[in-house]
C-alpha cells in the first residue's frame, strides 16, 4: 500500500474510533456533526430527487501523489461546474472478478448531456491529458441510473 493510501486508511481508522464514554454523558459521535455543504459541491453531494446518469471509470494510477496534485486538484472545479457528485473514488479497489484496473471512480451527473459537456469542455482537455498520462488500463462508460420497472406491466 503506498503512502497516500496508507495515510487515508490511517485517518479513517483514527476518525472512526469513538472516544471513551464519560460518566453521565452521551458518547461523542466518531465524526463531527455534518455541516451544511456549499451548494453544488462534488465532494459533499446534495440530496437529489432525479436519478441521473453515471460515469464509471476504472484506471490504474501510476503516480498517486502527482495524480492528486496535478489532476484531482484541477478536476474538482469542473465536476462542480457540471453538477457532478463523487459517489466512489478509490485508488486501490478490491478486485472481485477478472483482472481489472486497480482504481475506480463513479460520478453521478444530472444528465447524459452534462457528462458529454464535461468531457468535451475545451478547458478540461489539458486536465484530461494529465489524467491519461498518469494512468494506465483506463476504461470509462456512462449509463442512466437503474429504474425499477412498475409491477403492473406497461405504464
Protein backbone atom coordinates (compact mmCIF):
# COMPACT_ATOMS: atom_id res chain seq x y z
CA UNK A 1 0.00 0.00 0.00
CA UNK A 2 1.52 3.35 -0.96
CA UNK A 3 1.91 6.28 1.46
CA UNK A 4 -1.14 8.17 0.14
CA UNK A 5 -3.48 5.20 0.52
CA UNK A 6 -1.96 4.29 3.89
CA UNK A 7 -2.39 7.85 5.15
CA UNK A 8 -6.05 7.87 4.14
CA UNK A 9 -6.62 4.47 5.78
CA UNK A 10 -4.98 5.69 8.99
CA UNK A 11 -7.10 8.83 9.01
CA UNK A 12 -10.34 6.89 8.52
CA UNK A 13 -9.40 4.37 11.18
CA UNK A 14 -8.44 7.09 13.67
CA UNK A 15 -11.54 9.17 12.94
CA UNK A 16 -13.87 6.21 13.34
CA UNK A 17 -12.66 5.37 16.85
CA UNK A 18 -15.24 6.59 19.35
CA UNK A 19 -13.68 8.30 22.41
CA UNK A 20 -14.27 6.62 25.81
CA UNK A 21 -17.63 7.32 27.44
CA UNK A 22 -17.60 9.78 30.33
CA UNK A 23 -19.96 9.11 33.24
CA UNK A 24 -23.28 10.87 32.86
CA UNK A 25 -22.57 11.96 29.29
CA UNK A 26 -23.67 10.57 25.97
CA UNK A 27 -20.86 9.17 23.82
CA UNK A 28 -19.47 11.65 21.31
CA UNK A 29 -20.01 10.67 17.70
CA UNK A 30 -16.93 9.37 15.90
CA UNK A 31 -17.28 12.05 13.23
CA UNK A 32 -18.23 15.68 13.87
CA UNK A 33 -21.83 16.60 13.06
CA UNK A 34 -22.48 17.22 9.40
CA UNK A 35 -22.34 20.83 8.29
CA UNK A 36 -24.40 22.30 5.52
CA UNK A 37 -22.31 21.72 2.38
CA UNK A 38 -21.62 24.51 -0.08
CA UNK A 39 -24.05 24.45 -2.99
CA UNK A 40 -23.20 22.14 -5.90
CA UNK A 41 -20.14 20.67 -4.21
CA UNK A 42 -18.96 17.43 -5.81
CA UNK A 43 -17.21 16.43 -2.58
CA UNK A 44 -20.34 16.61 -0.41
CA UNK A 45 -23.21 15.91 -2.77
CA UNK A 46 -26.63 17.44 -2.24
CA UNK A 47 -29.65 15.17 -1.99
CA UNK A 48 -31.25 14.77 -5.39
CA UNK A 49 -34.62 13.51 -6.42
CA UNK A 50 -33.62 12.73 -10.01
CA UNK A 51 -31.74 9.54 -10.68
CA UNK A 52 -29.27 11.00 -13.16
CA UNK A 53 -26.56 9.46 -15.29
CA UNK A 54 -23.42 7.73 -14.06
CA UNK A 55 -19.87 7.98 -15.38
CA UNK A 56 -17.81 4.94 -14.33
CA UNK A 57 -14.05 4.97 -14.82
CA UNK A 58 -11.60 2.22 -13.97
CA UNK A 59 -7.91 3.01 -14.14
CA UNK A 60 -4.58 2.23 -12.56
CA UNK A 61 -2.85 5.37 -11.30
CA UNK A 62 0.91 5.11 -11.86
CA UNK A 63 1.91 8.08 -9.63
CA UNK A 64 -0.72 8.68 -6.91
CA UNK A 65 0.95 11.74 -5.40
CA UNK A 66 1.36 13.51 -8.73
CA UNK A 67 -2.16 12.41 -9.71
CA UNK A 68 -3.61 14.06 -6.61
CA UNK A 69 -1.63 17.25 -7.03
CA UNK A 70 -1.90 17.69 -10.78
CA UNK A 71 -5.20 16.08 -11.76
CA UNK A 72 -7.56 15.84 -8.80
CA UNK A 73 -6.91 19.41 -7.68
CA UNK A 74 -7.87 20.69 -11.15
CA UNK A 75 -10.79 18.39 -11.97
CA UNK A 76 -12.90 19.12 -8.89
CA UNK A 77 -13.98 22.61 -10.10
CA UNK A 78 -15.07 21.06 -13.41
CA UNK A 79 -17.12 18.46 -11.58
CA UNK A 80 -18.86 21.25 -9.66
CA UNK A 81 -19.44 23.20 -12.89
CA UNK A 82 -21.30 20.23 -14.40
CA UNK A 83 -23.09 19.35 -11.13
CA UNK A 84 -21.35 16.01 -10.73
CA UNK A 85 -21.40 14.14 -7.45
CA UNK A 86 -18.49 11.92 -6.47
CA UNK A 87 -20.06 8.61 -5.48
CA UNK A 88 -16.88 6.48 -5.40
CA UNK A 89 -13.22 7.39 -5.74
CA UNK A 90 -10.74 4.67 -4.81
CA UNK A 91 -7.17 4.10 -5.99
CA UNK A 92 -6.99 0.52 -4.68
CA UNK A 93 -10.38 -1.08 -5.18
CA UNK A 94 -10.74 -4.76 -4.31
CA UNK A 95 -10.94 -6.93 -7.41
CA UNK A 96 -13.76 -9.47 -7.35
CA UNK A 97 -13.50 -10.88 -10.87
CA UNK A 98 -11.02 -10.86 -13.72
CA UNK A 99 -8.02 -8.57 -13.93
CA UNK A 100 -9.46 -5.03 -13.75
CA UNK A 101 -7.62 -1.77 -13.24
CA UNK A 102 -6.76 -1.02 -9.61
CA UNK A 103 -8.82 2.15 -9.18
CA UNK A 104 -12.42 3.12 -9.74
CA UNK A 105 -14.32 6.39 -9.94
CA UNK A 106 -18.11 6.67 -10.08
CA UNK A 107 -19.65 10.08 -10.72
CA UNK A 108 -23.35 10.95 -10.85
CA UNK A 109 -24.39 13.73 -13.24
CA UNK A 110 -27.82 15.25 -13.71
CA UNK A 111 -27.97 14.10 -17.35
CA UNK A 112 -26.16 12.39 -20.20
CA UNK A 113 -25.66 15.84 -21.75
CA UNK A 114 -23.84 17.03 -18.60
CA UNK A 115 -21.34 14.15 -18.95
CA UNK A 116 -20.80 14.88 -22.64
CA UNK A 117 -20.39 18.61 -21.95
CA UNK A 118 -17.82 17.95 -19.22
CA UNK A 119 -15.81 15.52 -21.36
CA UNK A 120 -15.85 17.88 -24.35
CA UNK A 121 -15.24 21.14 -22.47
CA UNK A 122 -12.21 22.73 -24.21
CA UNK A 123 -10.81 23.94 -20.88
CA UNK A 124 -10.96 20.38 -19.48
CA UNK A 125 -8.90 18.84 -22.32
CA UNK A 126 -5.43 19.67 -20.87
CA UNK A 127 -6.56 18.35 -17.48
CA UNK A 128 -7.88 15.16 -19.08
CA UNK A 129 -4.49 14.75 -20.78
CA UNK A 130 -2.83 14.86 -17.32
CA UNK A 131 -5.10 12.02 -16.17
CA UNK A 132 -4.34 9.97 -19.24
CA UNK A 133 -0.59 10.49 -18.76
CA UNK A 134 -0.69 9.44 -15.10
CA UNK A 135 -2.85 6.33 -15.56
CA UNK A 136 -2.89 3.08 -17.49
CA UNK A 137 -5.54 0.48 -18.30
CA UNK A 138 -8.27 3.15 -18.22
CA UNK A 139 -11.83 2.35 -19.33
CA UNK A 140 -14.89 4.57 -18.99
CA UNK A 141 -18.59 4.06 -19.55
CA UNK A 142 -21.74 6.05 -18.88
CA UNK A 143 -25.21 4.77 -18.13
CA UNK A 144 -28.51 6.02 -16.76
CA UNK A 145 -29.48 5.17 -13.20
CA UNK A 146 -31.49 1.98 -12.89
CA UNK A 147 -35.23 2.49 -12.65
CA UNK A 148 -37.25 -0.35 -11.19
CA UNK A 149 -39.97 -1.42 -13.65
CA UNK A 150 -43.51 -0.91 -12.37
CA UNK A 151 -45.22 -4.05 -11.14
CA UNK A 152 -48.38 -3.73 -13.22
CA UNK A 153 -46.70 -4.13 -16.61
CA UNK A 154 -46.56 -1.31 -19.13
CA UNK A 155 -47.44 2.11 -17.75
